[in-house]
Amino acid sequence: MSQDNLIKLECTECHHVNYHSHKNKKTLKARLEINKYCRWCKKHQLHKETK
């Protein structure tokens, strides 16, 4: 993965960075919001893209 397309996904409840992913920044301008599993909260939570 190239570094310019790499994003971090952070849990909205506990604010841990749990996932790294990539996206096409030319086609997707808004920040991603995905329901993913948080191992610190031990349940599925909303994860938002951070810088």
C-alpha atoms as a PDB file:
ATOM      1  CA  MET A   1       0.000   0.000   0.000  1.00  0.00           C
ATOM      2  CA  SER A   2       1.222   3.444  -0.751  1.00  0.00           C
ATOM      3  CA  GLN A   3       1.459   5.867   2.155  1.00  0.00           C
ATOM      4  CA  ASP A   4      -0.700   8.585   0.566  1.00  0.00           C
ATOM      5  CA  ASN A   5      -3.734   6.263   0.338  1.00  0.00           C
ATOM      6  CA  LEU A   6      -3.325   4.831   3.848  1.00  0.00           C
ATOM      7  CA  ILE A   7      -5.958   5.797   6.446  1.00  0.00           C
ATOM      8  CA  LYS A   8      -6.504   4.977  10.134  1.00  0.00           C
ATOM      9  CA  LEU A   9      -9.870   3.950  11.573  1.00  0.00           C
ATOM     10  CA  GLU A  10     -10.510   5.009  15.174  1.00  0.00           C
ATOM     11  CA  CYS A  11     -13.248   3.802  17.524  1.00  0.00           C
ATOM     12  CA  THR A  12     -15.709   6.572  18.406  1.00  0.00           C
ATOM     13  CA  GLU A  13     -16.221   5.270  21.965  1.00  0.00           C
ATOM     14  CA  CYS A  14     -12.738   4.469  23.323  1.00  0.00           C
ATOM     15  CA  HIS A  15     -10.671   6.348  20.664  1.00  0.00           C
ATOM     16  CA  HIS A  16      -8.259   3.476  19.986  1.00  0.00           C
ATOM     17  CA  VAL A  17      -6.864   3.152  16.459  1.00  0.00           C
ATOM     18  CA  ASN A  18      -7.835  -0.409  15.613  1.00  0.00           C
ATOM     19  CA  TYR A  19      -7.627  -0.656  11.825  1.00  0.00           C
ATOM     20  CA  HIS A  20      -5.566   0.623   8.907  1.00  0.00           C
ATOM     21  CA  SER A  21      -7.011   0.642   5.414  1.00  0.00           C
ATOM     22  CA  HIS A  22      -6.705   2.476   2.117  1.00  0.00           C
ATOM     23  CA  LYS A  23      -9.081   4.433  -0.081  1.00  0.00           C
ATOM     24  CA  ASN A  24      -9.108   6.264  -3.380  1.00  0.00           C
ATOM     25  CA  LYS A  25      -8.962   9.905  -2.298  1.00  0.00           C
ATOM     26  CA  LYS A  26      -9.875  11.153  -5.784  1.00  0.00           C
ATOM     27  CA  THR A  27     -13.303   9.516  -5.746  1.00  0.00           C
ATOM     28  CA  LEU A  28     -14.083   9.519  -1.996  1.00  0.00           C
ATOM     29  CA  LYS A  29     -13.791  13.021  -0.530  1.00  0.00           C
ATOM     30  CA  ALA A  30     -15.724  12.445   2.720  1.00  0.00           C
ATOM     31  CA  ARG A  31     -14.287  10.587   5.696  1.00  0.00           C
ATOM     32  CA  LEU A  32     -15.204   6.926   6.051  1.00  0.00           C
ATOM     33  CA  GLU A  33     -17.520   5.703   8.821  1.00  0.00           C
ATOM     34  CA  ILE A  34     -17.713   1.922   9.197  1.00  0.00           C
ATOM     35  CA  ASN A  35     -19.104  -0.387  11.884  1.00  0.00           C
ATOM     36  CA  LYS A  36     -16.183  -2.605  12.908  1.00  0.00           C
ATOM     37  CA  TYR A  37     -15.318  -4.743  15.948  1.00  0.00           C
ATOM     38  CA  CYS A  38     -13.397  -2.988  18.729  1.00  0.00           C
ATOM     39  CA  ARG A  39     -11.411  -5.381  20.897  1.00  0.00           C
ATOM     40  CA  TRP A  40     -11.219  -2.900  23.783  1.00  0.00           C
ATOM     41  CA  CYS A  41     -14.983  -2.272  23.895  1.00  0.00           C
ATOM     42  CA  LYS A  42     -15.599  -5.945  23.013  1.00  0.00           C
ATOM     43  CA  LYS A  43     -18.439  -5.129  20.611  1.00  0.00           C
ATOM     44  CA  HIS A  44     -19.116  -3.601  17.223  1.00  0.00           C
ATOM     45  CA  GLN A  45     -18.727   0.180  17.233  1.00  0.00           C
ATOM     46  CA  LEU A  46     -18.681   2.958  14.684  1.00  0.00           C
ATOM     47  CA  HIS A  47     -15.120   3.622  13.463  1.00  0.00           C
ATOM     48  CA  LYS A  48     -14.259   6.909  11.783  1.00  0.00           C
ATOM     49  CA  GLU A  49     -11.336   7.837   9.603  1.00  0.00           C
ATOM     50  CA  THR A  50      -8.625   9.945  11.245  1.00  0.00           C
ATOM     51  CA  LYS A  51      -5.649  11.802   9.857  1.00  0.00           C
END
